[in-house]
C-alpha cells in the first residue's frame, strides 16, 4: 500500500542493514525506517520519534512488560519528538494530527472523499493491524460512520482471507 501510494520502493525485513542496501541498489538516497530507532547498526542523519499523544508511554515499561522499545530517556538524543494527536509532552515537541481525506478502493484505485463515502456507505465493518486499532475505529466513528463490526489485530498483522472471513458471514 505504501509503495503504491508513494511510488517509492518499500523493503520489509527484520535485517534493516540488508533493507538499506537493497534500497540503495534501487536508487534510493533517503530511507525512512518504521520502528528503526532501536536498530543502532543503522547509520542515520536524522532521528525522529512519533509518540501517540493520547497513550503516550503506556505503563512506562519496555517490551514485553510494556509498550516501549526504548527508554524514555532515549528521546533526549533524537532530533525531534513528534506528538501524534493528544497533548504535547513538553514545549519542544512538534505536533501532528492525522485527518482522513478519502477512501480508496484498493482493487480499482477509485476513491471517494469522506462525505461521498459516508453518503454511500454509512455502515461499515472495519479491521486494523496497527499499534492502537481503537484509534482507527474512533476516527471512522468521528467522521460519522457506523462501525457495525470491528476487529483489531497486532501491529503489522499478516492478513489472510481467514483474518476477516467472519465479516462476510454477517
Protein backbone atom coordinates (compact mmCIF):
# COMPACT_ATOMS: atom_id res chain seq x y z
CA UNK A 1 0.00 0.00 0.00
CA UNK A 2 2.77 2.44 0.89
CA UNK A 3 4.67 1.64 -2.30
CA UNK A 4 1.53 2.08 -4.41
CA UNK A 5 0.55 5.36 -2.77
CA UNK A 6 4.02 6.95 -2.73
CA UNK A 7 5.53 5.39 -5.87
CA UNK A 8 8.75 4.68 -3.96
CA UNK A 9 10.34 1.31 -3.18
CA UNK A 10 9.44 -0.42 0.09
CA UNK A 11 11.56 -3.22 1.57
CA UNK A 12 10.45 -5.29 4.54
CA UNK A 13 12.81 -7.43 6.63
CA UNK A 14 13.96 -7.67 10.22
CA UNK A 15 17.51 -7.17 8.84
CA UNK A 16 17.47 -3.39 8.50
CA UNK A 17 21.02 -3.23 7.10
CA UNK A 18 20.02 -5.55 4.25
CA UNK A 19 16.95 -3.36 3.64
CA UNK A 20 19.05 -0.22 3.34
CA UNK A 21 21.49 -1.94 0.98
CA UNK A 22 18.61 -3.13 -1.20
CA UNK A 23 17.06 0.34 -1.26
CA UNK A 24 20.43 1.84 -2.24
CA UNK A 25 20.63 -0.66 -5.12
CA UNK A 26 17.18 0.55 -6.18
CA UNK A 27 18.48 4.13 -6.34
CA UNK A 28 17.24 5.48 -3.02
CA UNK A 29 19.34 8.07 -1.24
CA UNK A 30 16.87 8.70 1.60
CA UNK A 31 15.49 5.88 3.75
CA UNK A 32 12.65 6.18 6.26
CA UNK A 33 12.61 3.28 8.68
CA UNK A 34 9.50 2.41 10.67
CA UNK A 35 10.46 1.33 14.18
CA UNK A 36 14.11 1.93 13.28
CA UNK A 37 15.21 3.86 16.35
CA UNK A 38 16.38 0.80 18.22
CA UNK A 39 18.41 -0.52 15.26
CA UNK A 40 21.71 1.03 16.30
CA UNK A 41 23.67 -0.51 13.42
CA UNK A 42 21.82 1.78 11.01
CA UNK A 43 23.73 4.93 10.17
CA UNK A 44 21.41 7.89 10.22
CA UNK A 45 21.41 11.60 9.56
CA UNK A 46 18.18 12.39 11.41
CA UNK A 47 16.24 10.62 14.16
CA UNK A 48 12.56 11.42 14.53
CA UNK A 49 10.27 9.81 17.07
CA UNK A 50 6.49 9.81 16.74
CA UNK A 51 4.62 9.41 20.02
CA UNK A 52 0.91 8.70 20.35
CA UNK A 53 -0.27 11.86 22.10
CA UNK A 54 -3.13 10.06 23.82
CA UNK A 55 -1.46 6.87 25.05
CA UNK A 56 1.97 8.46 25.48
CA UNK A 57 4.26 5.82 27.04
CA UNK A 58 1.68 3.43 28.45
CA UNK A 59 2.91 1.93 31.70
CA UNK A 60 6.46 3.20 31.02
CA UNK A 61 7.96 -0.28 30.79
CA UNK A 62 9.99 -1.79 27.96
CA UNK A 63 8.76 -4.78 25.93
CA UNK A 64 7.50 -7.35 26.84
CA UNK A 65 6.18 -5.84 30.10
CA UNK A 66 5.09 -2.61 28.40
CA UNK A 67 4.81 -0.92 25.01
CA UNK A 68 8.25 0.74 24.83
CA UNK A 69 11.15 -0.41 22.68
CA UNK A 70 13.49 2.19 24.18
CA UNK A 71 13.65 4.03 27.50
CA UNK A 72 12.05 7.45 27.58
CA UNK A 73 15.50 8.96 28.18
CA UNK A 74 16.35 7.98 24.58
CA UNK A 75 14.14 10.90 23.48
CA UNK A 76 16.82 13.28 24.77
CA UNK A 77 19.19 12.20 21.98
CA UNK A 78 16.85 12.41 18.96
CA UNK A 79 16.45 15.35 16.60
CA UNK A 80 12.71 15.78 17.13
CA UNK A 81 9.79 14.28 19.02
CA UNK A 82 6.52 14.48 17.10
CA UNK A 83 3.30 14.10 19.06
CA UNK A 84 0.52 12.49 17.02
CA UNK A 85 -2.79 13.81 18.40
CA UNK A 86 -3.47 14.33 22.09
CA UNK A 87 -1.26 16.73 24.00
CA UNK A 88 2.42 17.64 23.95
CA UNK A 89 4.83 16.18 26.47
CA UNK A 90 6.89 19.38 26.53
CA UNK A 91 7.14 22.64 24.59
CA UNK A 92 9.90 21.45 22.24
CA UNK A 93 7.67 18.73 20.76
CA UNK A 94 6.24 19.10 17.27
CA UNK A 95 2.55 18.38 16.82
CA UNK A 96 0.76 16.47 14.08
CA UNK A 97 -2.74 15.19 13.56
CA UNK A 98 -3.85 12.57 11.08
CA UNK A 99 -7.06 13.51 9.31
CA UNK A 100 -8.95 11.27 6.90
CA UNK A 101 -9.13 12.65 3.37
CA UNK A 102 -10.61 9.92 1.22
CA UNK A 103 -11.42 6.24 0.97
CA UNK A 104 -9.61 4.29 -1.75
CA UNK A 105 -10.79 1.01 -3.24
CA UNK A 106 -7.56 -0.96 -3.35
CA UNK A 107 -8.84 -3.19 -6.18
CA UNK A 108 -9.95 -0.43 -8.56
CA UNK A 109 -7.98 2.58 -7.35
CA UNK A 110 -11.17 4.66 -7.32
CA UNK A 111 -11.63 6.98 -4.37
CA UNK A 112 -14.40 8.87 -2.60
CA UNK A 113 -13.96 11.80 -0.26
CA UNK A 114 -15.27 11.26 3.28
CA UNK A 115 -18.63 12.95 2.62
CA UNK A 116 -19.27 10.89 -0.52
CA UNK A 117 -18.25 7.68 1.22
CA UNK A 118 -20.46 8.41 4.22
CA UNK A 119 -23.49 9.05 2.00
CA UNK A 120 -22.99 5.78 0.08
CA UNK A 121 -21.74 3.53 2.88
CA UNK A 122 -22.88 4.84 6.28
CA UNK A 123 -22.41 1.42 7.91
CA UNK A 124 -19.05 -0.34 7.74
CA UNK A 125 -17.11 -3.27 9.10
CA UNK A 126 -13.55 -2.34 9.98
CA UNK A 127 -10.30 -4.07 10.84
CA UNK A 128 -6.86 -2.70 11.58
CA UNK A 129 -3.40 -4.08 12.36
CA UNK A 130 -1.71 -1.02 13.84
CA UNK A 131 -0.28 -0.05 17.21
CA UNK A 132 -3.66 1.15 18.51
CA UNK A 133 -6.55 -0.19 16.40
CA UNK A 134 -9.11 1.65 18.56
CA UNK A 135 -7.71 4.93 17.25
CA UNK A 136 -8.65 3.90 13.69
CA UNK A 137 -12.13 2.79 14.73
CA UNK A 138 -12.67 6.04 16.65
CA UNK A 139 -11.63 8.03 13.57
CA UNK A 140 -14.24 6.24 11.47
CA UNK A 141 -16.90 6.97 14.08
CA UNK A 142 -15.80 10.62 14.37
CA UNK A 143 -16.49 11.24 10.68
CA UNK A 144 -19.99 9.82 11.14
CA UNK A 145 -19.67 6.20 10.09
CA UNK A 146 -21.47 3.46 12.00
CA UNK A 147 -18.95 0.71 12.68
CA UNK A 148 -21.05 -2.45 12.89
CA UNK A 149 -18.18 -4.87 13.42
CA UNK A 150 -14.58 -4.14 14.23
CA UNK A 151 -11.54 -6.33 14.65
CA UNK A 152 -8.18 -5.17 15.95
CA UNK A 153 -5.05 -7.12 15.10
CA UNK A 154 -1.50 -6.81 16.35
CA UNK A 155 0.76 -4.22 14.78
CA UNK A 156 1.95 -5.30 11.31
CA UNK A 157 -0.51 -8.21 11.22
CA UNK A 158 -0.09 -10.51 8.21
CA UNK A 159 -3.58 -10.58 6.73
CA UNK A 160 -5.18 -13.59 5.14
CA UNK A 161 -8.70 -14.37 3.99
CA UNK A 162 -9.22 -16.15 7.30
CA UNK A 163 -8.34 -12.94 9.20
CA UNK A 164 -11.52 -11.25 8.05
CA UNK A 165 -13.72 -14.17 6.96
CA UNK A 166 -16.22 -13.57 9.76
CA UNK A 167 -17.06 -10.13 8.28
CA UNK A 168 -18.58 -11.71 5.17
CA UNK A 169 -20.68 -14.09 7.25
CA UNK A 170 -22.87 -11.26 8.58
